[in-house]
């Protein structure tokens, strides 16, 4: 049979191992939630509309004012 001190050490080791595994599982769960939130922000449609508006206004040619247009001759 085992000594009481050996049994106590083995029991303490198992408790510590269970605590480490629990801490790792909780960390990974929280980290996965953070990454999911980041992914939602990264690929959300909210920012796609803003990009289209910016490129559309930058590519558009300015309209000429008919009163100041000097290309027309009479």
PDB file of N, CA and C in Angstrom:
ATOM      1  N   UNK A   1       0.823  -1.181   0.000  1.00  0.00           N
ATOM      2  CA  UNK A   1       0.000   0.000   0.000  1.00  0.00           C
ATOM      3  C   UNK A   1       0.876   1.258   0.000  1.00  0.00           C
ATOM      4  N   UNK A   2       0.322   2.388  -0.484  1.00  0.00           N
ATOM      5  CA  UNK A   2       1.063   3.647  -0.573  1.00  0.00           C
ATOM      6  C   UNK A   2       1.167   4.331   0.780  1.00  0.00           C
ATOM      7  N   UNK A   3       2.248   5.082   0.920  1.00  0.00           N
ATOM      8  CA  UNK A   3       2.370   5.912   2.103  1.00  0.00           C
ATOM      9  C   UNK A   3       1.361   7.047   1.993  1.00  0.00           C
ATOM     10  N   UNK A   4       1.026   7.613   3.135  1.00  0.00           N
ATOM     11  CA  UNK A   4       0.084   8.739   3.128  1.00  0.00           C
ATOM     12  C   UNK A   4       0.681   9.949   2.415  1.00  0.00           C
ATOM     13  N   UNK A   5       1.972  10.171   2.543  1.00  0.00           N
ATOM     14  CA  UNK A   5       2.604  11.329   1.907  1.00  0.00           C
ATOM     15  C   UNK A   5       2.640  11.157   0.387  1.00  0.00           C
ATOM     16  N   UNK A   6       2.845   9.959  -0.085  1.00  0.00           N
ATOM     17  CA  UNK A   6       2.856   9.699  -1.527  1.00  0.00           C
ATOM     18  C   UNK A   6       1.455   9.874  -2.096  1.00  0.00           C
ATOM     19  N   UNK A   7       0.456   9.368  -1.375  1.00  0.00           N
ATOM     20  CA  UNK A   7      -0.925   9.526  -1.810  1.00  0.00           C
ATOM     21  C   UNK A   7      -1.310  11.003  -1.846  1.00  0.00           C
ATOM     22  N   UNK A   8      -0.898  11.761  -0.851  1.00  0.00           N
ATOM     23  CA  UNK A   8      -1.188  13.198  -0.794  1.00  0.00           C
ATOM     24  C   UNK A   8      -0.525  13.948  -1.941  1.00  0.00           C
ATOM     25  N   UNK A   9       0.713  13.568  -2.255  1.00  0.00           N
ATOM     26  CA  UNK A   9       1.424  14.217  -3.360  1.00  0.00           C
ATOM     27  C   UNK A   9       0.757  13.902  -4.693  1.00  0.00           C
ATOM     28  N   UNK A  10       0.348  12.646  -4.867  1.00  0.00           N
ATOM     29  CA  UNK A  10      -0.328  12.271  -6.112  1.00  0.00           C
ATOM     30  C   UNK A  10      -1.666  12.982  -6.233  1.00  0.00           C
ATOM     31  N   UNK A  11      -2.382  13.104  -5.137  1.00  0.00           N
ATOM     32  CA  UNK A  11      -3.660  13.800  -5.143  1.00  0.00           C
ATOM     33  C   UNK A  11      -3.472  15.291  -5.441  1.00  0.00           C
ATOM     34  N   UNK A  12      -2.451  15.898  -4.876  1.00  0.00           N
ATOM     35  CA  UNK A  12      -2.158  17.312  -5.140  1.00  0.00           C
ATOM     36  C   UNK A  12      -1.768  17.523  -6.607  1.00  0.00           C
ATOM     37  N   UNK A  13      -1.007  16.582  -7.149  1.00  0.00           N
ATOM     38  CA  UNK A  13      -0.619  16.681  -8.558  1.00  0.00           C
ATOM     39  C   UNK A  13      -1.841  16.599  -9.468  1.00  0.00           C
ATOM     40  N   UNK A  14      -2.742  15.667  -9.189  1.00  0.00           N
ATOM     41  CA  UNK A  14      -3.954  15.530 -10.003  1.00  0.00           C
ATOM     42  C   UNK A  14      -4.841  16.786  -9.906  1.00  0.00           C
ATOM     43  N   UNK A  15      -4.929  17.362  -8.731  1.00  0.00           N
ATOM     44  CA  UNK A  15      -5.722  18.584  -8.553  1.00  0.00           C
ATOM     45  C   UNK A  15      -5.094  19.749  -9.331  1.00  0.00           C
ATOM     46  N   UNK A  16      -3.771  19.831  -9.280  1.00  0.00           N
ATOM     47  CA  UNK A  16      -3.087  20.892 -10.018  1.00  0.00           C
ATOM     48  C   UNK A  16      -3.256  20.711 -11.526  1.00  0.00           C
ATOM     49  N   UNK A  17      -3.170  19.469 -11.995  1.00  0.00           N
ATOM     50  CA  UNK A  17      -3.347  19.188 -13.425  1.00  0.00           C
ATOM     51  C   UNK A  17      -4.765  19.540 -13.873  1.00  0.00           C
ATOM     52  N   UNK A  18      -5.758  19.224 -13.032  1.00  0.00           N
ATOM     53  CA  UNK A  18      -7.142  19.561 -13.366  1.00  0.00           C
ATOM     54  C   UNK A  18      -7.325  21.079 -13.402  1.00  0.00           C
ATOM     55  N   UNK A  19      -6.692  21.782 -12.493  1.00  0.00           N
ATOM     56  CA  UNK A  19      -6.778  23.246 -12.485  1.00  0.00           C
ATOM     57  C   UNK A  19      -6.148  23.863 -13.721  1.00  0.00           C
ATOM     58  N   UNK A  20      -5.008  23.334 -14.129  1.00  0.00           N
ATOM     59  CA  UNK A  20      -4.335  23.844 -15.332  1.00  0.00           C
ATOM     60  C   UNK A  20      -5.187  23.601 -16.563  1.00  0.00           C
ATOM     61  N   UNK A  21      -5.755  22.402 -16.678  1.00  0.00           N
ATOM     62  CA  UNK A  21      -6.602  22.093 -17.828  1.00  0.00           C
ATOM     63  C   UNK A  21      -7.842  22.982 -17.869  1.00  0.00           C
ATOM     64  N   UNK A  22      -8.432  23.259 -16.707  1.00  0.00           N
ATOM     65  CA  UNK A  22      -9.589  24.141 -16.645  1.00  0.00           C
ATOM     66  C   UNK A  22      -9.214  25.554 -17.061  1.00  0.00           C
ATOM     67  N   UNK A  23      -8.081  26.041 -16.593  1.00  0.00           N
ATOM     68  CA  UNK A  23      -7.639  27.384 -16.948  1.00  0.00           C
ATOM     69  C   UNK A  23      -7.377  27.501 -18.446  1.00  0.00           C
ATOM     70  N   UNK A  24      -6.762  26.498 -19.032  1.00  0.00           N
ATOM     71  CA  UNK A  24      -6.490  26.508 -20.476  1.00  0.00           C
ATOM     72  C   UNK A  24      -7.791  26.488 -21.267  1.00  0.00           C
ATOM     73  N   UNK A  25      -8.744  25.667 -20.829  1.00  0.00           N
ATOM     74  CA  UNK A  25     -10.033  25.589 -21.530  1.00  0.00           C
ATOM     75  C   UNK A  25     -10.770  26.926 -21.470  1.00  0.00           C
ATOM     76  N   UNK A  26     -10.768  27.565 -20.301  1.00  0.00           N
ATOM     77  CA  UNK A  26     -11.434  28.864 -20.172  1.00  0.00           C
ATOM     78  C   UNK A  26     -10.746  29.934 -21.013  1.00  0.00           C
ATOM     79  N   UNK A  27      -9.418  29.909 -21.042  1.00  0.00           N
ATOM     80  CA  UNK A  27      -8.680  30.876 -21.857  1.00  0.00           C
ATOM     81  C   UNK A  27      -8.999  30.695 -23.339  1.00  0.00           C
ATOM     82  N   UNK A  28      -8.981  29.446 -23.796  1.00  0.00           N
ATOM     83  CA  UNK A  28      -9.248  29.203 -25.216  1.00  0.00           C
ATOM     84  C   UNK A  28     -10.675  29.583 -25.588  1.00  0.00           C
ATOM     85  N   UNK A  29     -11.616  29.339 -24.701  1.00  0.00           N
ATOM     86  CA  UNK A  29     -13.008  29.713 -24.968  1.00  0.00           C
ATOM     87  C   UNK A  29     -13.147  31.230 -25.089  1.00  0.00           C
ATOM     88  N   UNK A  30     -12.531  31.979 -24.159  1.00  0.00           N
ATOM     89  CA  UNK A  30     -12.597  33.437 -24.202  1.00  0.00           C
ATOM     90  C   UNK A  30     -11.891  33.978 -25.446  1.00  0.00           C
ATOM     91  N   UNK A  31     -10.761  33.399 -25.768  1.00  0.00           N
ATOM     92  CA  UNK A  31     -10.000  33.849 -26.952  1.00  0.00           C
ATOM     93  C   UNK A  31     -10.792  33.592 -28.233  1.00  0.00           C
ATOM     94  N   UNK A  32     -11.479  32.472 -28.313  1.00  0.00           N
ATOM     95  CA  UNK A  32     -12.283  32.164 -29.487  1.00  0.00           C
ATOM     96  C   UNK A  32     -13.437  33.157 -29.628  1.00  0.00           C
ATOM     97  N   UNK A  33     -14.046  33.550 -28.510  1.00  0.00           N
ATOM     98  CA  UNK A  33     -15.115  34.548 -28.555  1.00  0.00           C
ATOM     99  C   UNK A  33     -14.585  35.891 -29.036  1.00  0.00           C
ATOM    100  N   UNK A  34     -13.395  36.279 -28.582  1.00  0.00           N
ATOM    101  CA  UNK A  34     -12.789  37.539 -29.023  1.00  0.00           C
ATOM    102  C   UNK A  34     -12.498  37.498 -30.523  1.00  0.00           C
ATOM    103  N   UNK A  35     -11.997  36.365 -31.001  1.00  0.00           N
ATOM    104  CA  UNK A  35     -11.707  36.245 -32.430  1.00  0.00           C
ATOM    105  C   UNK A  35     -12.983  36.248 -33.262  1.00  0.00           C
ATOM    106  N   UNK A  36     -14.046  35.641 -32.763  1.00  0.00           N
ATOM    107  CA  UNK A  36     -15.327  35.672 -33.470  1.00  0.00           C
ATOM    108  C   UNK A  36     -15.851  37.100 -33.574  1.00  0.00           C
ATOM    109  N   UNK A  37     -15.721  37.857 -32.476  1.00  0.00           N
ATOM    110  CA  UNK A  37     -16.169  39.251 -32.488  1.00  0.00           C
ATOM    111  C   UNK A  37     -15.343  40.079 -33.472  1.00  0.00           C
ATOM    112  N   UNK A  38     -14.036  39.864 -33.482  1.00  0.00           N
ATOM    113  CA  UNK A  38     -13.167  40.571 -34.414  1.00  0.00           C
ATOM    114  C   UNK A  38     -13.515  40.213 -35.859  1.00  0.00           C
ATOM    115  N   UNK A  39     -13.793  38.953 -36.098  1.00  0.00           N
ATOM    116  CA  UNK A  39     -14.150  38.507 -37.445  1.00  0.00           C
ATOM    117  C   UNK A  39     -15.460  39.145 -37.899  1.00  0.00           C
ATOM    118  N   UNK A  40     -16.415  39.268 -36.995  1.00  0.00           N
ATOM    119  CA  UNK A  40     -17.683  39.921 -37.330  1.00  0.00           C
ATOM    120  C   UNK A  40     -17.448  41.377 -37.706  1.00  0.00           C
ATOM    121  N   UNK A  41     -16.595  42.057 -36.957  1.00  0.00           N
ATOM    122  CA  UNK A  41     -16.298  43.454 -37.281  1.00  0.00           C
ATOM    123  C   UNK A  41     -15.542  43.569 -38.597  1.00  0.00           C
ATOM    124  N   UNK A  42     -14.653  42.644 -38.837  1.00  0.00           N
ATOM    125  CA  UNK A  42     -13.821  42.692 -40.036  1.00  0.00           C
ATOM    126  C   UNK A  42     -14.635  42.460 -41.300  1.00  0.00           C
ATOM    127  N   UNK A  43     -15.584  41.551 -41.243  1.00  0.00           N
ATOM    128  CA  UNK A  43     -16.343  41.184 -42.428  1.00  0.00           C
ATOM    129  C   UNK A  43     -17.776  41.700 -42.408  1.00  0.00           C
ATOM    130  N   UNK A  44     -18.059  42.714 -41.608  1.00  0.00           N
ATOM    131  CA  UNK A  44     -19.424  43.226 -41.550  1.00  0.00           C
ATOM    132  C   UNK A  44     -19.735  44.050 -42.794  1.00  0.00           C
ATOM    133  N   UNK A  45     -21.003  44.107 -43.149  1.00  0.00           N
ATOM    134  CA  UNK A  45     -21.447  44.853 -44.328  1.00  0.00           C
ATOM    135  C   UNK A  45     -21.469  46.350 -44.069  1.00  0.00           C
ATOM    136  N   UNK A  46     -21.399  46.744 -42.828  1.00  0.00           N
ATOM    137  CA  UNK A  46     -21.471  48.162 -42.471  1.00  0.00           C
ATOM    138  C   UNK A  46     -20.348  48.958 -43.125  1.00  0.00           C
ATOM    139  N   UNK A  47     -19.160  48.382 -43.166  1.00  0.00           N
ATOM    140  CA  UNK A  47     -18.023  49.106 -43.713  1.00  0.00           C
ATOM    141  C   UNK A  47     -17.952  49.021 -45.231  1.00  0.00           C
ATOM    142  N   UNK A  48     -18.587  48.020 -45.832  1.00  0.00           N
ATOM    143  CA  UNK A  48     -18.578  47.893 -47.291  1.00  0.00           C
ATOM    144  C   UNK A  48     -19.290  49.063 -47.951  1.00  0.00           C
ATOM    145  N   UNK A  49     -20.392  49.529 -47.380  1.00  0.00           N
ATOM    146  CA  UNK A  49     -21.130  50.653 -47.943  1.00  0.00           C
ATOM    147  C   UNK A  49     -20.293  51.921 -47.923  1.00  0.00           C
ATOM    148  N   UNK A  50     -19.552  52.133 -46.852  1.00  0.00           N
ATOM    149  CA  UNK A  50     -18.725  53.332 -46.752  1.00  0.00           C
ATOM    150  C   UNK A  50     -17.618  53.321 -47.804  1.00  0.00           C
ATOM    151  N   UNK A  51     -17.019  52.155 -48.058  1.00  0.00           N
ATOM    152  CA  UNK A  51     -15.970  52.067 -49.074  1.00  0.00           C
ATOM    153  C   UNK A  51     -16.527  52.368 -50.457  1.00  0.00           C
ATOM    154  N   UNK A  52     -17.709  51.847 -50.771  1.00  0.00           N
ATOM    155  CA  UNK A  52     -18.313  52.099 -52.079  1.00  0.00           C
ATOM    156  C   UNK A  52     -18.616  53.571 -52.258  1.00  0.00           C
ATOM    157  N   UNK A  53     -19.097  54.242 -51.211  1.00  0.00           N
ATOM    158  CA  UNK A  53     -19.397  55.661 -51.302  1.00  0.00           C
ATOM    159  C   UNK A  53     -18.129  56.469 -51.543  1.00  0.00           C
ATOM    160  N   UNK A  54     -17.050  56.106 -50.865  1.00  0.00           N
ATOM    161  CA  UNK A  54     -15.789  56.829 -51.020  1.00  0.00           C
ATOM    162  C   UNK A  54     -15.235  56.666 -52.429  1.00  0.00           C
ATOM    163  N   UNK A  55     -15.257  55.470 -52.966  1.00  0.00           N
ATOM    164  CA  UNK A  55     -14.707  55.260 -54.302  1.00  0.00           C
ATOM    165  C   UNK A  55     -15.604  55.867 -55.363  1.00  0.00           C
ATOM    166  N   UNK A  56     -16.905  55.863 -55.153  1.00  0.00           N
ATOM    167  CA  UNK A  56     -17.820  56.434 -56.138  1.00  0.00           C
ATOM    168  C   UNK A  56     -17.634  57.943 -56.215  1.00  0.00           C
ATOM    169  N   UNK A  57     -17.453  58.598 -55.087  1.00  0.00           N
ATOM    170  CA  UNK A  57     -17.295  60.047 -55.119  1.00  0.00           C
ATOM    171  C   UNK A  57     -15.908  60.435 -55.643  1.00  0.00           C
ATOM    172  N   UNK A  58     -14.915  59.605 -55.432  1.00  0.00           N
ATOM    173  CA  UNK A  58     -13.572  59.917 -55.917  1.00  0.00           C
ATOM    174  C   UNK A  58     -13.469  59.710 -57.424  1.00  0.00           C
ATOM    175  N   UNK A  59     -14.189  58.719 -57.962  1.00  0.00           N
ATOM    176  CA  UNK A  59     -14.132  58.430 -59.388  1.00  0.00           C
ATOM    177  C   UNK A  59     -15.039  59.332 -60.218  1.00  0.00           C
ATOM    178  N   UNK A  60     -16.017  59.931 -59.605  1.00  0.00           N
ATOM    179  CA  UNK A  60     -16.974  60.749 -60.346  1.00  0.00           C
ATOM    180  C   UNK A  60     -16.304  62.029 -60.851  1.00  0.00           C
ATOM    181  N   UNK A  61     -16.655  62.400 -62.080  1.00  0.00           N
ATOM    182  CA  UNK A  61     -16.124  63.638 -62.644  1.00  0.00           C
ATOM    183  C   UNK A  61     -16.991  64.799 -62.189  1.00  0.00           C
ATOM    184  N   UNK A  62     -16.382  65.936 -61.918  1.00  0.00           N
ATOM    185  CA  UNK A  62     -17.186  67.090 -61.504  1.00  0.00           C
ATOM    186  C   UNK A  62     -18.028  67.592 -62.684  1.00  0.00           C
ATOM    187  N   UNK A  63     -19.219  68.045 -62.375  1.00  0.00           N
ATOM    188  CA  UNK A  63     -20.100  68.557 -63.411  1.00  0.00           C
ATOM    189  C   UNK A  63     -19.687  69.983 -63.754  1.00  0.00           C
ATOM    190  N   UNK A  64     -19.698  70.292 -65.026  1.00  0.00           N
ATOM    191  CA  UNK A  64     -19.326  71.631 -65.469  1.00  0.00           C
ATOM    192  C   UNK A  64     -20.514  72.569 -65.302  1.00  0.00           C
ATOM    193  N   UNK A  65     -20.230  73.781 -64.888  1.00  0.00           N
ATOM    194  CA  UNK A  65     -21.269  74.793 -64.733  1.00  0.00           C
ATOM    195  C   UNK A  65     -21.550  75.378 -66.117  1.00  0.00           C
ATOM    196  N   UNK A  66     -22.780  75.331 -66.611  1.00  0.00           N
ATOM    197  CA  UNK A  66     -23.064  75.807 -67.970  1.00  0.00           C
ATOM    198  C   UNK A  66     -22.823  77.311 -68.143  1.00  0.00           C
ATOM    199  N   UNK A  67     -22.910  78.090 -67.076  1.00  0.00           N
ATOM    200  CA  UNK A  67     -22.696  79.532 -67.201  1.00  0.00           C
ATOM    201  C   UNK A  67     -21.227  79.868 -67.392  1.00  0.00           C
ATOM    202  N   UNK A  68     -20.325  79.045 -66.872  1.00  0.00           N
ATOM    203  CA  UNK A  68     -18.910  79.363 -66.962  1.00  0.00           C
ATOM    204  C   UNK A  68     -18.185  78.508 -67.979  1.00  0.00           C
ATOM    205  N   UNK A  69     -18.895  77.689 -68.746  1.00  0.00           N
ATOM    206  CA  UNK A  69     -18.276  76.809 -69.723  1.00  0.00           C
ATOM    207  C   UNK A  69     -17.774  77.657 -70.895  1.00  0.00           C
ATOM    208  N   UNK A  70     -16.477  77.647 -71.149  1.00  0.00           N
ATOM    209  CA  UNK A  70     -15.893  78.488 -72.183  1.00  0.00           C
ATOM    210  C   UNK A  70     -15.766  77.771 -73.526  1.00  0.00           C
ATOM    211  N   UNK A  71     -16.159  76.497 -73.604  1.00  0.00           N
ATOM    212  CA  UNK A  71     -16.059  75.757 -74.861  1.00  0.00           C
ATOM    213  C   UNK A  71     -17.166  76.098 -75.837  1.00  0.00           C
ATOM    214  N   UNK A  72     -18.223  76.716 -75.364  1.00  0.00           N
ATOM    215  CA  UNK A  72     -19.356  77.032 -76.239  1.00  0.00           C
ATOM    216  C   UNK A  72     -19.091  78.373 -76.925  1.00  0.00           C
ATOM    217  N   UNK A  73     -19.206  78.371 -78.259  1.00  0.00           N
ATOM    218  CA  UNK A  73     -19.017  79.640 -79.002  1.00  0.00           C
ATOM    219  C   UNK A  73     -20.304  79.934 -79.782  1.00  0.00           C
ATOM    220  N   UNK A  74     -20.604  81.223 -79.917  1.00  0.00           N
ATOM    221  CA  UNK A  74     -21.795  81.643 -80.649  1.00  0.00           C
ATOM    222  C   UNK A  74     -21.435  82.324 -81.923  1.00  0.00           C
TER     223      UNK A  74
END
